[in-house]
C-alpha atoms as a PDB file:
ATOM      1  CA  MET A   1       0.000   0.000   0.000  1.00  0.00           C
ATOM      2  CA  GLU A   2       1.277   3.447  -0.892  1.00  0.00           C
ATOM      3  CA  GLU A   3       2.122   6.182   1.559  1.00  0.00           C
ATOM      4  CA  ASN A   4      -0.899   8.458   2.138  1.00  0.00           C
ATOM      5  CA  THR A   5      -3.288   5.611   1.308  1.00  0.00           C
ATOM      6  CA  ILE A   6      -5.419   3.787   3.858  1.00  0.00           C
ATOM      7  CA  ASN A   7      -7.784   0.826   3.768  1.00  0.00           C
ATOM      8  CA  ILE A   8     -11.344   1.265   4.992  1.00  0.00           C
ATOM      9  CA  THR A   9     -13.892  -1.522   5.383  1.00  0.00           C
ATOM     10  CA  VAL A  10     -17.462  -0.478   4.600  1.00  0.00           C
ATOM     11  CA  THR A  11     -20.293  -2.905   5.325  1.00  0.00           C
ATOM     12  CA  ASP A  12     -23.220  -2.162   3.040  1.00  0.00           C
ATOM     13  CA  ARG A  13     -26.895  -2.512   3.955  1.00  0.00           C
ATOM     14  CA  GLU A  14     -26.924  -6.140   2.761  1.00  0.00           C
ATOM     15  CA  GLY A  15     -24.060  -7.029   5.126  1.00  0.00           C
ATOM     16  CA  ILE A  16     -21.394  -7.254   2.410  1.00  0.00           C
ATOM     17  CA  ASP A  17     -17.943  -5.896   3.288  1.00  0.00           C
ATOM     18  CA  HIS A  18     -16.150  -3.666   0.798  1.00  0.00           C
ATOM     19  CA  ILE A  19     -12.461  -2.880   1.349  1.00  0.00           C
ATOM     20  CA  ILE A  20     -11.669   0.502  -0.133  1.00  0.00           C
ATOM     21  CA  GLU A  21      -8.238   2.036  -0.684  1.00  0.00           C
ATOM     22  CA  ALA A  22      -8.527   5.736   0.003  1.00  0.00           C
ATOM     23  CA  PRO A  23      -6.058   8.617  -0.348  1.00  0.00           C
ATOM     24  CA  THR A  24      -5.370  10.712   2.733  1.00  0.00           C
ATOM     25  CA  ASP A  25      -3.599  13.600   1.011  1.00  0.00           C
ATOM     26  CA  MET A  26      -6.574  15.000  -0.929  1.00  0.00           C
ATOM     27  CA  ASN A  27      -8.837  16.199   1.936  1.00  0.00           C
ATOM     28  CA  PHE A  28     -11.604  13.722   1.032  1.00  0.00           C
ATOM     29  CA  ASN A  29     -14.259  12.774   3.523  1.00  0.00           C
ATOM     30  CA  LEU A  30     -15.634   9.294   4.012  1.00  0.00           C
ATOM     31  CA  MET A  31     -18.893  10.072   2.170  1.00  0.00           C
ATOM     32  CA  GLU A  32     -16.989  11.105  -0.950  1.00  0.00           C
ATOM     33  CA  ILE A  33     -14.949   7.895  -0.892  1.00  0.00           C
ATOM     34  CA  CYS A  34     -18.075   5.766  -0.469  1.00  0.00           C
ATOM     35  CA  LYS A  35     -19.798   7.541  -3.353  1.00  0.00           C
ATOM     36  CA  SER A  36     -16.753   7.215  -5.622  1.00  0.00           C
ATOM     37  CA  SER A  37     -16.720   3.488  -4.804  1.00  0.00           C
ATOM     38  CA  GLU A  38     -20.344   3.292  -5.955  1.00  0.00           C
ATOM     39  CA  LEU A  39     -21.699   2.407  -2.523  1.00  0.00           C
ATOM     40  CA  PRO A  40     -25.300   3.490  -1.822  1.00  0.00           C
ATOM     41  CA  VAL A  41     -24.534   6.702   0.048  1.00  0.00           C
ATOM     42  CA  GLU A  42     -26.643   9.658  -1.023  1.00  0.00           C
ATOM     43  CA  GLY A  43     -24.825  12.683   0.353  1.00  0.00           C
ATOM     44  CA  THR A  44     -27.780  14.814  -0.703  1.00  0.00           C
ATOM     45  CA  CYS A  45     -26.472  18.014   0.902  1.00  0.00           C
ATOM     46  CA  GLY A  46     -23.003  17.640  -0.604  1.00  0.00           C
ATOM     47  CA  GLY A  47     -21.241  17.116   2.705  1.00  0.00           C
ATOM     48  CA  MET A  48     -22.508  20.141   4.622  1.00  0.00           C
ATOM     49  CA  ALA A  49     -24.067  18.160   7.544  1.00  0.00           C
ATOM     50  CA  LEU A  50     -27.504  19.371   6.421  1.00  0.00           C
ATOM     51  CA  CYS A  51     -29.027  15.932   5.876  1.00  0.00           C
ATOM     52  CA  ALA A  52     -28.438  12.469   7.265  1.00  0.00           C
ATOM     53  CA  SER A  53     -28.259  10.557   3.979  1.00  0.00           C
ATOM     54  CA  CYS A  54     -24.643   9.543   4.700  1.00  0.00           C
ATOM     55  CA  HIS A  55     -25.374   8.239   8.219  1.00  0.00           C
ATOM     56  CA  CYS A  56     -23.094   5.384   9.234  1.00  0.00           C
ATOM     57  CA  TYR A  57     -22.001   3.416  12.292  1.00  0.00           C
ATOM     58  CA  VAL A  58     -18.324   3.441  13.257  1.00  0.00           C
ATOM     59  CA  GLN A  59     -17.461  -0.143  14.180  1.00  0.00           C
ATOM     60  CA  SER A  60     -13.756   0.151  14.928  1.00  0.00           C
ATOM     61  CA  GLU A  61     -12.105   1.788  17.915  1.00  0.00           C
ATOM     62  CA  HIS A  62     -10.533   4.673  15.999  1.00  0.00           C
ATOM     63  CA  LYS A  63     -10.305   8.064  17.654  1.00  0.00           C
ATOM     64  CA  LEU A  64     -12.355  10.433  15.487  1.00  0.00           C
ATOM     65  CA  ASN A  65     -12.807  14.160  15.613  1.00  0.00           C
ATOM     66  CA  GLU A  66     -15.653  15.210  17.894  1.00  0.00           C
ATOM     67  CA  PRO A  67     -18.972  15.741  16.085  1.00  0.00           C
ATOM     68  CA  SER A  68     -19.814  19.378  15.402  1.00  0.00           C
ATOM     69  CA  ASP A  69     -23.038  20.934  16.693  1.00  0.00           C
ATOM     70  CA  ASP A  70     -24.417  20.769  13.134  1.00  0.00           C
ATOM     71  CA  GLU A  71     -23.661  17.051  12.932  1.00  0.00           C
ATOM     72  CA  LEU A  72     -25.234  16.378  16.328  1.00  0.00           C
ATOM     73  CA  ASP A  73     -28.325  18.379  15.348  1.00  0.00           C
ATOM     74  CA  MET A  74     -28.675  16.344  12.154  1.00  0.00           C
ATOM     75  CA  LEU A  75     -28.222  13.039  13.974  1.00  0.00           C
ATOM     76  CA  ASP A  76     -30.958  14.123  16.410  1.00  0.00           C
ATOM     77  CA  GLN A  77     -33.329  14.128  13.441  1.00  0.00           C
ATOM     78  CA  ALA A  78     -32.072  10.916  11.802  1.00  0.00           C
ATOM     79  CA  PHE A  79     -33.585   7.446  12.035  1.00  0.00           C
ATOM     80  CA  PHE A  80     -31.842   4.410  13.561  1.00  0.00           C
ATOM     81  CA  VAL A  81     -29.304   6.487  15.523  1.00  0.00           C
ATOM     82  CA  GLU A  82     -26.937   4.546  17.786  1.00  0.00           C
ATOM     83  CA  ASP A  83     -24.122   5.587  20.136  1.00  0.00           C
ATOM     84  CA  ASN A  84     -21.607   5.009  17.308  1.00  0.00           C
ATOM     85  CA  SER A  85     -23.576   6.979  14.678  1.00  0.00           C
ATOM     86  CA  ARG A  86     -21.761   9.568  12.598  1.00  0.00           C
ATOM     87  CA  LEU A  87     -22.301  11.420   9.352  1.00  0.00           C
ATOM     88  CA  SER A  88     -19.652  10.099   6.979  1.00  0.00           C
ATOM     89  CA  CYS A  89     -19.341  13.531   5.349  1.00  0.00           C
ATOM     90  CA  GLN A  90     -17.873  14.817   8.607  1.00  0.00           C
ATOM     91  CA  ILE A  91     -15.105  12.194   8.827  1.00  0.00           C
ATOM     92  CA  TYR A  92     -12.058  13.421   6.910  1.00  0.00           C
ATOM     93  CA  LEU A  93      -9.551  10.787   5.903  1.00  0.00           C
ATOM     94  CA  THR A  94      -6.193  10.812   7.654  1.00  0.00           C
ATOM     95  CA  ASN A  95      -3.443   8.220   7.983  1.00  0.00           C
ATOM     96  CA  ASP A  96      -4.670   7.565  11.548  1.00  0.00           C
ATOM     97  CA  LEU A  97      -7.875   6.059  10.124  1.00  0.00           C
ATOM     98  CA  ASN A  98      -6.191   3.088   8.439  1.00  0.00           C
ATOM     99  CA  LYS A  99      -8.376  -0.016   8.904  1.00  0.00           C
ATOM    100  CA  LEU A 100     -11.407   2.071   9.876  1.00  0.00           C
ATOM    101  CA  LYS A 101     -14.576  -0.039   9.827  1.00  0.00           C
ATOM    102  CA  ILE A 102     -18.013   1.417   9.259  1.00  0.00           C
ATOM    103  CA  LYS A 103     -21.476   0.112   8.460  1.00  0.00           C
ATOM    104  CA  LEU A 104     -23.989   2.068   6.399  1.00  0.00           C
ATOM    105  CA  ALA A 105     -27.096   2.907   8.389  1.00  0.00           C
ATOM    106  CA  PRO A 106     -30.465   1.705   7.114  1.00  0.00           C
ATOM    107  CA  VAL A 107     -32.541   4.150   5.113  1.00  0.00           C
ATOM    108  CA  SER A 108     -35.874   5.219   6.544  1.00  0.00           C
END
């Protein structure tokens, strides 16, 4: 694996794991990587934390940035929210997130 590239495991809504190689030097967020990998992530608001169409569950023990007030407000309005819920548009890819595991949340 190249420097500035990480592997992320995304479990889709059918329970199938997808291992994605993602660059960490291009300021991409997790939603953008999922969309570019043709996973069923809407990202309707374009990554502005104004919808919850990129809702996911973080399944690994990675230390993530704290959710912003906007993200928390959006999660308050989302369906199927769990303690490990995040908006994937608010998770920016860094080398520290190698082997991150997430699961896409069900759609309402």
